[in-house]
Amino acid sequence: MSHFTDLAHQYIDGEWKPGSGSWDIIDFNPYTGEKLASITVATAGEVDRAYRAAERAQTEWAETNPYARRLVFERALRIIEDREEEIAETIVAELGGTRLKAAFELHLAKEFLREAVHLALRPEGRILPSPVDGKENRVYRVPVGVVGVISPFNFPFLLSIKSVAPALALGNAVVLKPHQNTPICGGTLVAKVFEEAGLPAGLLNVVVTDIAEIGDALLTHPVPKVISFTGSDKVGRHVATVCAQNFKHAVLELGGNSALIVLDDADVDYAVDAAVFSRFVHQGQVCMAANRILVDRSLEEEFTEKFVAKVKTLRVGDPADPATHIGPLINSQQAEAVSSLVDQTVAAGATALLHGTVEGNLVSPSVLTGFAPDAPILGQEIFGPVALIVPFDGEAEAVRIANDTPYGLSGAVHTADVERGVRIAKRIHTGMIHINDGTVHDEPIVPFGGEKHSGIGRLNGDAMVDVFTTQKWISIQHGRSRFPF
């Protein structure tokens, strides 16, 4: 694990240095409890240094030919391909991701880097007509300047790259703050890849720190124009408020409580496979996870029996073992919270078809059903391996239950009639929904984001240009204007 120690620093203005805070963030392996690294936190002063370095470096970068900027992302892609095994092991060790999950995260990270190569050339100017004779209106797409990125612990390598690479490709500089549980995968590893790819110093800075040390310095600092935040809706609300007060644009990718709906004409075996993956991938620590599985009452018995049988086959254990389906939750607080939520729900009258146990940070799957309609668990995001099965009578009730949540991120509808599925999908208040598939999907050019408490704005494809550039009107008067005085 020597590379953990090598990467256990702040990365500011092209220099690797310890933070100057008075305490350390300890990076643990959530499965073994082994200490991987300790990183002295960055102070508000270091956050300022990072933003000032970004501001200085950005001017020249914005003027760099976009064809030249592209080369950095091509090299970064090659570095990830060359080190794939090492990065996968880092994901397994730092966040308890299974082998399958690490491969999935790396596959997507590479896809987003390939898209970043194209994004460098995407911004196009326009010439618009004018009601004034002799006037030419030019609209330029220019970089916003400096972007602050705050990434989460569940897919840290992917979700840091997903904002960092497009922001850089479009001519901006970035200050990245990874989650304190994943400072390497979500932060310094990303910086190392870009450093080796030849990104000029100062354009990407990584500060490993915590609100306890810096307060809102990352958000209130005058330099960044856009903050890209991925995390919980509770923190997202705070980020949005502070950004609004400081005239910054916030892009928020927040939690979800997605419904996977199994209609009466669905292929039950296929729906079971989709639902099990959508709920239990990465231990259920996925914002798009199928939190609630809604099943037409005519299929409830068959679906439930097959679903529970399949869940019983999932192997819980060491994420480094390729046979493991479910590894540890990120920390003991999460493991305890998920476990007590299940206990409370059962105590309140729900039926546990499977009641998970807790061993260290390993939480085995629970499958619950028989809820009161107002059971609190139905309205919230569960970041753990807990499946809720909810029967419904008819399409209208399925739509009503699916919409009965403050979230609206993803979803799925299973049916033999694709257009019936689309009709229902249109009635569900969600940013993304999939017919005859799982709920966990992300593609480089499709708008990704949520409705309601699941966030504001979109990422991916053209949405990246909207978020990380701004429009500038430059007019030219080819004749002479007549002024009224």
Protein backbone atom coordinates (compact mmCIF):
# COMPACT_ATOMS: atom_id res chain seq x y z
CA MET A 1 0.00 0.00 0.00
CA SER A 2 3.01 2.28 -0.40
CA HIS A 3 1.26 4.36 -3.05
CA PHE A 4 -1.29 5.43 -0.41
CA THR A 5 1.48 7.09 1.58
CA ASP A 6 2.92 8.66 -1.59
CA LEU A 7 -0.46 10.23 -2.37
CA ALA A 8 -1.27 11.32 1.21
CA HIS A 9 -0.59 15.02 0.59
CA GLN A 10 -2.28 18.18 -0.57
CA TYR A 11 -1.68 19.03 -4.24
CA ILE A 12 -1.57 22.80 -4.69
CA ASP A 13 -0.02 24.70 -7.60
CA GLY A 14 1.78 21.60 -8.83
CA GLU A 15 3.38 20.82 -5.44
CA TRP A 16 2.77 17.85 -3.15
CA LYS A 17 2.88 19.02 0.47
CA PRO A 18 1.28 18.14 3.79
CA GLY A 19 -1.53 20.40 4.92
CA SER A 20 -0.81 22.84 7.72
CA GLY A 21 -3.94 22.08 9.76
CA SER A 22 -3.65 20.85 13.35
CA TRP A 23 -5.16 17.40 12.81
CA ASP A 24 -5.10 14.48 10.37
CA ILE A 25 -7.73 12.75 8.28
CA ILE A 26 -7.10 9.01 8.71
CA ASP A 27 -7.86 6.90 5.65
CA PHE A 28 -9.02 3.40 6.62
CA ASN A 29 -9.72 0.24 4.65
CA PRO A 30 -13.42 -0.27 5.56
CA TYR A 31 -13.12 -4.08 5.32
CA THR A 32 -9.93 -4.80 7.26
CA GLY A 33 -9.82 -1.62 9.37
CA GLU A 34 -6.19 -1.20 8.28
CA LYS A 35 -4.90 2.38 8.27
CA LEU A 36 -3.97 3.22 4.69
CA ALA A 37 -2.70 6.76 5.19
CA SER A 38 -3.03 9.87 7.27
CA ILE A 39 -3.30 13.29 5.65
CA THR A 40 -2.84 16.54 7.57
CA VAL A 41 -5.85 18.67 6.67
CA ALA A 42 -5.68 21.76 4.48
CA THR A 43 -6.55 25.06 6.16
CA ALA A 44 -8.67 27.90 4.77
CA GLY A 45 -5.36 29.56 3.86
CA GLU A 46 -4.44 26.57 1.70
CA VAL A 47 -7.86 26.61 0.07
CA ASP A 48 -7.14 30.25 -0.79
CA ARG A 49 -3.72 29.30 -2.22
CA ALA A 50 -5.34 26.58 -4.32
CA TYR A 51 -7.97 28.94 -5.74
CA ARG A 52 -5.39 31.68 -6.41
CA ALA A 53 -3.11 29.18 -8.20
CA ALA A 54 -6.09 28.04 -10.28
CA GLU A 55 -6.99 31.63 -11.13
CA ARG A 56 -3.41 32.40 -12.30
CA ALA A 57 -3.04 29.23 -14.37
CA GLN A 58 -6.46 29.45 -16.00
CA THR A 59 -5.80 32.55 -18.12
CA GLU A 60 -3.13 30.91 -20.24
CA TRP A 61 -4.98 27.57 -20.35
CA ALA A 62 -8.12 29.27 -21.72
CA GLU A 63 -6.00 30.71 -24.54
CA THR A 64 -4.37 27.36 -25.29
CA ASN A 65 -5.52 25.84 -28.57
CA PRO A 66 -8.31 23.35 -27.73
CA TYR A 67 -6.62 20.78 -29.99
CA ALA A 68 -3.58 21.00 -27.70
CA ARG A 69 -5.74 20.79 -24.55
CA ARG A 70 -7.20 17.53 -25.86
CA LEU A 71 -3.82 15.78 -25.72
CA VAL A 72 -3.80 15.91 -21.91
CA PHE A 73 -6.99 13.83 -21.75
CA GLU A 74 -5.72 11.34 -24.33
CA ARG A 75 -2.62 10.83 -22.19
CA ALA A 76 -4.67 10.60 -18.98
CA LEU A 77 -6.75 7.87 -20.60
CA ARG A 78 -3.63 5.90 -21.51
CA ILE A 79 -2.25 6.25 -17.97
CA ILE A 80 -5.49 4.84 -16.51
CA GLU A 81 -5.45 1.98 -19.03
CA ASP A 82 -1.80 1.18 -18.17
CA ARG A 83 -2.49 1.25 -14.39
CA GLU A 84 -5.95 -0.24 -14.40
CA GLU A 85 -5.08 -3.11 -12.05
CA GLU A 86 -3.36 -0.82 -9.54
CA ILE A 87 -6.24 1.69 -9.55
CA ALA A 88 -8.77 -1.15 -9.17
CA GLU A 89 -6.88 -2.39 -6.10
CA THR A 90 -6.92 1.13 -4.67
CA ILE A 91 -10.72 1.32 -5.12
CA VAL A 92 -11.11 -2.08 -3.42
CA ALA A 93 -8.88 -1.06 -0.50
CA GLU A 94 -10.04 2.50 0.11
CA LEU A 95 -13.79 2.23 -0.33
CA GLY A 96 -14.50 -1.47 -0.03
CA GLY A 97 -15.66 -1.68 -3.63
CA THR A 98 -15.92 -5.21 -5.02
CA ARG A 99 -13.83 -6.26 -8.03
CA LEU A 100 -16.92 -5.93 -10.22
CA LYS A 101 -17.64 -2.45 -8.90
CA ALA A 102 -14.04 -1.31 -9.41
CA ALA A 103 -14.15 -2.52 -13.02
CA PHE A 104 -17.50 -0.74 -13.58
CA GLU A 105 -16.15 2.52 -12.10
CA LEU A 106 -12.96 2.39 -14.18
CA HIS A 107 -14.89 1.60 -17.37
CA LEU A 108 -17.06 4.68 -16.87
CA ALA A 109 -14.10 6.88 -15.87
CA LYS A 110 -12.43 6.01 -19.19
CA GLU A 111 -15.64 6.70 -21.13
CA PHE A 112 -15.89 10.16 -19.54
CA LEU A 113 -12.26 10.91 -20.38
CA ARG A 114 -12.90 9.94 -24.00
CA GLU A 115 -15.82 12.37 -24.02
CA ALA A 116 -13.62 15.10 -22.47
CA VAL A 117 -11.33 14.82 -25.50
CA HIS A 118 -14.31 15.80 -27.70
CA LEU A 119 -15.63 18.43 -25.29
CA ALA A 120 -12.57 20.60 -25.82
CA LEU A 121 -13.86 21.31 -29.35
CA ARG A 122 -17.57 21.50 -28.52
CA PRO A 123 -18.10 25.20 -27.66
CA GLU A 124 -19.33 27.09 -30.72
CA GLY A 125 -19.87 30.81 -31.16
CA ARG A 126 -22.88 32.27 -32.97
CA ILE A 127 -23.63 35.35 -35.01
CA LEU A 128 -27.16 36.68 -34.38
CA PRO A 129 -29.14 39.23 -36.38
CA SER A 130 -29.72 42.74 -34.99
CA PRO A 131 -32.61 45.20 -35.39
CA VAL A 132 -29.94 47.91 -35.74
CA ASP A 133 -28.54 48.51 -39.24
CA GLY A 134 -24.84 47.76 -39.57
CA LYS A 135 -24.61 45.92 -36.25
CA GLU A 136 -23.05 42.47 -35.96
CA ASN A 137 -23.85 40.45 -32.83
CA ARG A 138 -21.32 37.80 -31.88
CA VAL A 139 -22.01 35.38 -29.03
CA TYR A 140 -18.90 33.68 -27.69
CA ARG A 141 -18.77 30.61 -25.44
CA VAL A 142 -16.02 31.26 -22.90
CA PRO A 143 -14.82 29.24 -19.88
CA VAL A 144 -16.41 30.24 -16.56
CA GLY A 145 -12.90 30.50 -15.05
CA VAL A 146 -12.42 28.40 -11.91
CA VAL A 147 -14.66 25.53 -10.82
CA GLY A 148 -14.89 24.02 -7.33
CA VAL A 149 -15.64 20.28 -7.33
CA ILE A 150 -16.80 18.38 -4.22
CA SER A 151 -17.02 14.62 -4.78
CA PRO A 152 -18.61 11.80 -2.72
CA PHE A 153 -17.27 8.51 -1.31
CA ASN A 154 -19.26 5.98 -3.32
CA PHE A 155 -17.77 6.40 -6.83
CA PRO A 156 -14.99 8.85 -5.98
CA PHE A 157 -12.62 8.26 -8.90
CA LEU A 158 -15.41 8.39 -11.48
CA LEU A 159 -17.38 11.27 -9.97
CA SER A 160 -14.30 13.46 -9.51
CA ILE A 161 -13.17 12.85 -13.11
CA LYS A 162 -16.72 13.35 -14.35
CA SER A 163 -16.66 17.05 -13.34
CA VAL A 164 -12.90 17.71 -13.36
CA ALA A 165 -12.13 16.50 -16.89
CA PRO A 166 -14.94 18.43 -18.69
CA ALA A 167 -14.24 21.60 -16.69
CA LEU A 168 -10.55 21.42 -17.69
CA ALA A 169 -11.30 20.44 -21.30
CA LEU A 170 -13.48 23.54 -21.66
CA GLY A 171 -10.65 25.82 -20.55
CA ASN A 172 -11.27 26.16 -16.80
CA ALA A 173 -9.09 25.46 -13.77
CA VAL A 174 -10.33 23.32 -10.88
CA VAL A 175 -10.04 22.99 -7.11
CA LEU A 176 -11.19 19.52 -6.05
CA LYS A 177 -12.19 18.50 -2.53
CA PRO A 178 -12.69 14.74 -2.21
CA HIS A 179 -14.76 13.13 0.55
CA GLN A 180 -12.70 12.59 3.69
CA ASN A 181 -13.35 8.82 3.54
CA THR A 182 -11.87 8.61 0.03
CA PRO A 183 -9.12 11.25 -0.24
CA ILE A 184 -6.94 9.14 -2.54
CA CYS A 185 -9.41 7.69 -5.09
CA GLY A 186 -11.47 10.87 -5.13
CA GLY A 187 -8.62 13.35 -4.98
CA THR A 188 -4.89 12.84 -5.07
CA LEU A 189 -4.98 9.85 -7.43
CA VAL A 190 -6.90 11.98 -9.94
CA ALA A 191 -4.30 14.75 -9.52
CA LYS A 192 -1.47 12.24 -10.06
CA VAL A 193 -3.02 10.99 -13.30
CA PHE A 194 -3.36 14.53 -14.67
CA GLU A 195 0.10 15.56 -13.47
CA GLU A 196 1.63 12.64 -15.35
CA ALA A 197 -0.54 13.46 -18.37
CA GLY A 198 1.19 16.84 -18.57
CA LEU A 199 -1.53 19.14 -17.25
CA PRO A 200 0.22 22.45 -16.43
CA ALA A 201 0.72 23.18 -12.71
CA GLY A 202 -2.04 25.10 -10.94
CA LEU A 203 -4.88 23.97 -13.23
CA LEU A 204 -5.95 21.13 -10.94
CA ASN A 205 -5.53 21.48 -7.18
CA VAL A 206 -6.65 18.98 -4.56
CA VAL A 207 -7.41 20.01 -0.99
CA VAL A 208 -8.07 17.22 1.49
CA THR A 209 -9.91 18.83 4.37
CA ASP A 210 -13.18 19.08 6.28
CA ILE A 211 -15.83 21.66 7.19
CA ALA A 212 -14.61 21.41 10.79
CA GLU A 213 -11.35 22.99 9.59
CA ILE A 214 -12.35 25.35 6.76
CA GLY A 215 -16.06 26.04 7.31
CA ASP A 216 -17.56 27.25 4.02
CA ALA A 217 -14.28 28.64 2.61
CA LEU A 218 -14.51 26.36 -0.42
CA LEU A 219 -17.91 27.84 -1.33
CA THR A 220 -17.58 31.48 -0.26
CA HIS A 221 -14.17 32.11 -1.81
CA PRO A 222 -14.42 34.88 -4.44
CA VAL A 223 -12.53 32.99 -7.18
CA PRO A 224 -14.76 30.01 -8.16
CA LYS A 225 -17.75 30.81 -10.38
CA VAL A 226 -19.30 27.33 -10.40
CA ILE A 227 -19.47 24.66 -7.69
CA SER A 228 -20.15 21.08 -8.81
CA PHE A 229 -21.33 19.10 -5.78
CA THR A 230 -22.25 15.42 -5.55
CA GLY A 231 -23.56 14.17 -2.21
CA SER A 232 -26.56 14.18 0.10
CA ASP A 233 -29.57 16.49 -0.30
CA LYS A 234 -28.99 17.79 3.25
CA VAL A 235 -25.50 19.06 2.41
CA GLY A 236 -26.67 20.00 -1.10
CA ARG A 237 -29.26 22.38 0.35
CA HIS A 238 -26.50 24.11 2.32
CA VAL A 239 -24.21 24.29 -0.74
CA ALA A 240 -27.01 25.79 -2.85
CA THR A 241 -27.83 28.39 -0.19
CA VAL A 242 -24.24 29.53 0.28
CA CYS A 243 -23.63 29.59 -3.49
CA ALA A 244 -26.75 31.71 -4.08
CA GLN A 245 -25.68 34.17 -1.39
CA ASN A 246 -22.29 34.48 -3.11
CA PHE A 247 -23.61 34.66 -6.71
CA LYS A 248 -22.18 31.31 -7.71
CA HIS A 249 -23.79 28.74 -9.92
CA ALA A 250 -24.27 25.40 -8.14
CA VAL A 251 -24.69 22.10 -9.99
CA LEU A 252 -26.10 19.59 -7.53
CA GLU A 253 -26.18 15.82 -8.02
CA LEU A 254 -27.94 14.60 -4.88
CA GLY A 255 -29.56 11.52 -3.39
CA GLY A 256 -32.35 9.40 -4.75
CA ASN A 257 -35.16 7.07 -3.75
CA SER A 258 -35.73 5.42 -7.10
CA ALA A 259 -38.60 3.05 -7.81
CA LEU A 260 -38.27 -0.02 -10.01
CA ILE A 261 -41.82 -0.84 -11.16
CA VAL A 262 -42.78 -4.38 -12.18
CA LEU A 263 -46.05 -4.29 -14.16
CA ASP A 264 -48.42 -7.26 -14.47
CA ASP A 265 -47.05 -8.26 -17.90
CA ALA A 266 -43.34 -8.10 -16.95
CA ASP A 267 -40.81 -10.89 -17.45
CA VAL A 268 -40.50 -11.79 -13.77
CA ASP A 269 -37.12 -13.56 -13.87
CA TYR A 270 -35.56 -10.68 -15.82
CA ALA A 271 -37.15 -8.08 -13.51
CA VAL A 272 -35.73 -9.94 -10.49
CA ASP A 273 -32.22 -9.84 -11.99
CA ALA A 274 -32.53 -6.11 -12.76
CA ALA A 275 -33.91 -5.34 -9.29
CA VAL A 276 -31.27 -7.33 -7.39
CA PHE A 277 -28.43 -5.61 -9.26
CA SER A 278 -30.06 -2.16 -9.01
CA ARG A 279 -30.49 -2.48 -5.25
CA PHE A 280 -27.33 -4.28 -4.16
CA VAL A 281 -24.55 -3.03 -6.47
CA HIS A 282 -21.80 -1.46 -4.30
CA GLN A 283 -23.67 -2.55 -1.15
CA GLY A 284 -26.56 -0.25 -2.13
CA GLN A 285 -24.38 2.87 -1.73
CA VAL A 286 -25.55 4.27 -5.07
CA CYS A 287 -27.71 7.38 -5.51
CA MET A 288 -29.55 5.70 -8.43
CA ALA A 289 -30.17 2.44 -6.57
CA ALA A 290 -33.64 0.87 -6.73
CA ASN A 291 -34.61 1.80 -3.19
CA ARG A 292 -38.22 0.70 -3.66
CA ILE A 293 -39.33 -2.24 -5.76
CA LEU A 294 -42.99 -1.82 -6.72
CA VAL A 295 -44.68 -5.02 -7.89
CA ASP A 296 -48.15 -5.54 -9.33
CA ARG A 297 -50.13 -7.55 -6.80
CA SER A 298 -50.82 -10.31 -9.36
CA LEU A 299 -47.04 -11.01 -9.50
CA GLU A 300 -46.20 -10.21 -5.89
CA GLU A 301 -45.93 -13.78 -4.65
CA GLU A 302 -43.88 -15.10 -7.60
CA PHE A 303 -41.62 -12.03 -7.75
CA THR A 304 -40.99 -11.92 -4.00
CA GLU A 305 -40.14 -15.62 -3.79
CA LYS A 306 -37.67 -15.41 -6.69
CA PHE A 307 -36.20 -12.10 -5.48
CA VAL A 308 -35.50 -13.40 -1.96
CA ALA A 309 -34.04 -16.62 -3.37
CA LYS A 310 -31.65 -14.65 -5.60
CA VAL A 311 -30.63 -12.26 -2.80
CA LYS A 312 -29.80 -15.27 -0.60
CA THR A 313 -27.18 -16.31 -3.18
CA LEU A 314 -25.26 -13.02 -2.90
CA ARG A 315 -21.86 -13.46 -1.26
CA VAL A 316 -21.01 -10.96 1.49
CA GLY A 317 -17.37 -10.57 2.42
CA ASP A 318 -13.91 -9.52 1.31
CA PRO A 319 -14.23 -7.07 -1.59
CA ALA A 320 -10.84 -8.22 -2.94
CA ASP A 321 -12.27 -11.71 -3.57
CA PRO A 322 -13.70 -11.74 -7.13
CA ALA A 323 -16.57 -13.99 -5.91
CA THR A 324 -17.84 -11.33 -3.47
CA HIS A 325 -21.03 -9.46 -4.44
CA ILE A 326 -21.38 -7.31 -1.32
CA GLY A 327 -18.45 -5.72 0.48
CA PRO A 328 -18.39 -3.38 3.48
CA LEU A 329 -20.19 -0.10 3.92
CA ILE A 330 -17.86 2.90 3.95
CA ASN A 331 -17.69 3.27 7.76
CA SER A 332 -19.17 2.04 11.03
CA GLN A 333 -21.63 4.96 11.33
CA GLN A 334 -23.23 3.94 8.00
CA ALA A 335 -23.32 0.27 9.01
CA GLU A 336 -24.99 1.08 12.34
CA ALA A 337 -27.45 3.52 10.75
CA VAL A 338 -28.60 0.99 8.13
CA SER A 339 -28.90 -1.77 10.70
CA SER A 340 -30.94 0.32 13.16
CA LEU A 341 -33.20 1.56 10.33
CA VAL A 342 -34.08 -2.07 9.51
CA ASP A 343 -34.71 -2.86 13.20
CA GLN A 344 -36.95 0.19 13.66
CA THR A 345 -38.94 -0.61 10.51
CA VAL A 346 -39.53 -4.22 11.60
CA ALA A 347 -40.44 -3.06 15.12
CA ALA A 348 -43.02 -0.72 13.52
CA GLY A 349 -44.74 -3.70 11.87
CA ALA A 350 -42.96 -4.41 8.55
CA THR A 351 -42.11 -8.01 7.64
CA ALA A 352 -38.47 -9.01 7.21
CA LEU A 353 -38.28 -11.67 4.49
CA LEU A 354 -34.52 -11.48 5.10
CA HIS A 355 -33.08 -9.71 8.13
CA GLY A 356 -29.46 -8.69 7.57
CA THR A 357 -26.76 -9.00 10.20
CA VAL A 358 -23.81 -6.70 10.87
CA GLU A 359 -20.21 -7.83 11.25
CA GLY A 360 -17.75 -4.95 11.37
CA ASN A 361 -18.74 -2.78 8.40
CA LEU A 362 -20.20 -5.76 6.53
CA VAL A 363 -23.99 -5.59 6.42
CA SER A 364 -25.76 -8.54 4.84
CA PRO A 365 -28.92 -7.91 2.77
CA SER A 366 -32.35 -7.26 4.21
CA VAL A 367 -35.59 -7.60 2.23
CA LEU A 368 -38.59 -5.92 3.85
CA THR A 369 -42.27 -5.77 2.92
CA GLY A 370 -45.69 -5.19 4.51
CA PHE A 371 -45.26 -1.48 5.27
CA ALA A 372 -47.86 0.96 6.49
CA PRO A 373 -48.39 3.46 3.61
CA ASP A 374 -46.82 6.23 5.71
CA ALA A 375 -43.81 4.20 6.89
CA PRO A 376 -40.88 6.67 7.11
CA ILE A 377 -38.49 4.24 5.39
CA LEU A 378 -40.47 4.52 2.12
CA GLY A 379 -39.71 8.22 1.80
CA GLN A 380 -35.98 8.24 2.42
CA GLU A 381 -32.78 7.21 0.69
CA ILE A 382 -31.18 4.07 2.16
CA PHE A 383 -27.46 3.94 1.48
CA GLY A 384 -27.09 0.25 2.18
CA PRO A 385 -28.19 -3.27 1.22
CA VAL A 386 -31.88 -3.00 2.11
CA ALA A 387 -34.63 -3.76 -0.43
CA LEU A 388 -38.23 -2.67 0.06
CA ILE A 389 -40.93 -4.59 -1.80
CA VAL A 390 -44.21 -2.69 -2.17
CA PRO A 391 -47.24 -4.24 -3.93
CA PHE A 392 -49.63 -2.08 -5.97
CA ASP A 393 -52.99 -2.48 -7.70
CA GLY A 394 -52.93 -1.07 -11.23
CA GLU A 395 -50.83 1.53 -13.05
CA ALA A 396 -52.30 4.61 -11.38
CA GLU A 397 -51.34 3.36 -7.93
CA ALA A 398 -47.84 2.44 -9.14
CA VAL A 399 -47.32 6.00 -10.41
CA ARG A 400 -48.70 7.51 -7.21
CA ILE A 401 -46.42 5.42 -4.98
CA ALA A 402 -43.37 6.03 -7.20
CA ASN A 403 -43.96 9.79 -6.99
CA ASP A 404 -44.60 9.78 -3.23
CA THR A 405 -41.06 10.83 -2.27
CA PRO A 406 -39.14 14.11 -2.15
CA TYR A 407 -36.57 12.60 -4.54
CA GLY A 408 -36.59 12.12 -8.32
CA LEU A 409 -33.29 10.78 -9.67
CA SER A 410 -33.71 7.49 -11.54
CA GLY A 411 -36.22 4.68 -11.96
CA ALA A 412 -37.23 1.72 -14.10
CA VAL A 413 -40.40 0.15 -15.52
CA HIS A 414 -40.64 -3.53 -16.48
CA THR A 415 -43.33 -4.53 -18.98
CA ALA A 416 -43.86 -6.61 -22.12
CA ASP A 417 -45.32 -3.49 -23.81
CA VAL A 418 -42.51 -0.96 -24.26
CA GLU A 419 -44.84 1.94 -25.10
CA ARG A 420 -46.94 1.22 -22.02
CA GLY A 421 -43.70 1.50 -20.08
CA VAL A 422 -42.91 4.84 -21.72
CA ARG A 423 -46.41 6.17 -20.92
CA ILE A 424 -45.87 5.37 -17.24
CA ALA A 425 -42.27 6.67 -17.28
CA LYS A 426 -43.55 10.05 -18.53
CA ARG A 427 -45.81 10.32 -15.45
CA ILE A 428 -43.01 9.77 -12.94
CA HIS A 429 -41.28 12.92 -11.66
CA THR A 430 -37.68 11.90 -12.16
CA GLY A 431 -34.68 13.05 -14.16
CA MET A 432 -33.94 9.60 -15.62
CA ILE A 433 -35.95 6.41 -16.03
CA HIS A 434 -35.27 3.17 -17.89
CA ILE A 435 -37.67 0.72 -19.55
CA ASN A 436 -36.85 -2.97 -19.05
CA ASP A 437 -33.51 -2.36 -17.40
CA GLY A 438 -31.95 -1.48 -14.04
CA THR A 439 -31.96 1.93 -12.40
CA VAL A 440 -28.16 2.40 -12.30
CA HIS A 441 -26.95 3.97 -15.55
CA ASP A 442 -24.66 6.79 -16.60
CA GLU A 443 -23.50 7.58 -20.12
CA PRO A 444 -21.10 10.31 -21.29
CA ILE A 445 -23.42 12.22 -23.63
CA VAL A 446 -26.86 11.75 -22.03
CA PRO A 447 -28.08 14.47 -19.61
CA PHE A 448 -27.58 13.11 -16.08
CA GLY A 449 -29.37 14.60 -13.08
CA GLY A 450 -32.45 14.69 -10.92
CA GLU A 451 -35.68 16.49 -10.14
CA LYS A 452 -37.04 17.64 -6.76
CA HIS A 453 -34.54 17.03 -3.91
CA SER A 454 -32.32 14.95 -6.21
CA GLY A 455 -30.55 18.03 -7.48
CA ILE A 456 -30.35 21.00 -9.79
CA GLY A 457 -28.86 21.02 -13.27
CA ARG A 458 -27.47 18.31 -15.49
CA LEU A 459 -24.04 16.90 -16.29
CA ASN A 460 -22.69 14.99 -19.34
CA GLY A 461 -22.52 15.86 -23.05
CA ASP A 462 -23.87 19.26 -24.08
CA ALA A 463 -24.91 19.92 -20.48
CA MET A 464 -21.21 20.11 -19.58
CA VAL A 465 -20.83 23.01 -22.03
CA ASP A 466 -23.84 24.76 -20.46
CA VAL A 467 -22.44 24.33 -16.94
CA PHE A 468 -18.72 24.99 -17.41
CA THR A 469 -18.85 27.82 -19.98
CA THR A 470 -20.71 31.09 -20.08
CA GLN A 471 -22.00 33.19 -23.00
CA LYS A 472 -20.52 36.55 -23.89
CA TRP A 473 -22.12 39.02 -26.30
CA ILE A 474 -19.71 41.16 -28.30
CA SER A 475 -21.31 43.53 -30.80
CA ILE A 476 -19.65 45.48 -33.59
CA GLN A 477 -21.23 48.59 -35.09
CA HIS A 478 -20.05 48.65 -38.72
CA GLY A 479 -21.70 52.01 -39.47
CA ARG A 480 -22.17 54.79 -36.98
CA SER A 481 -24.82 54.71 -34.25
CA ARG A 482 -27.12 57.70 -33.86
CA PHE A 483 -27.44 58.75 -30.23
CA PRO A 484 -30.48 60.72 -29.06
CA PHE A 485 -28.32 63.26 -27.21
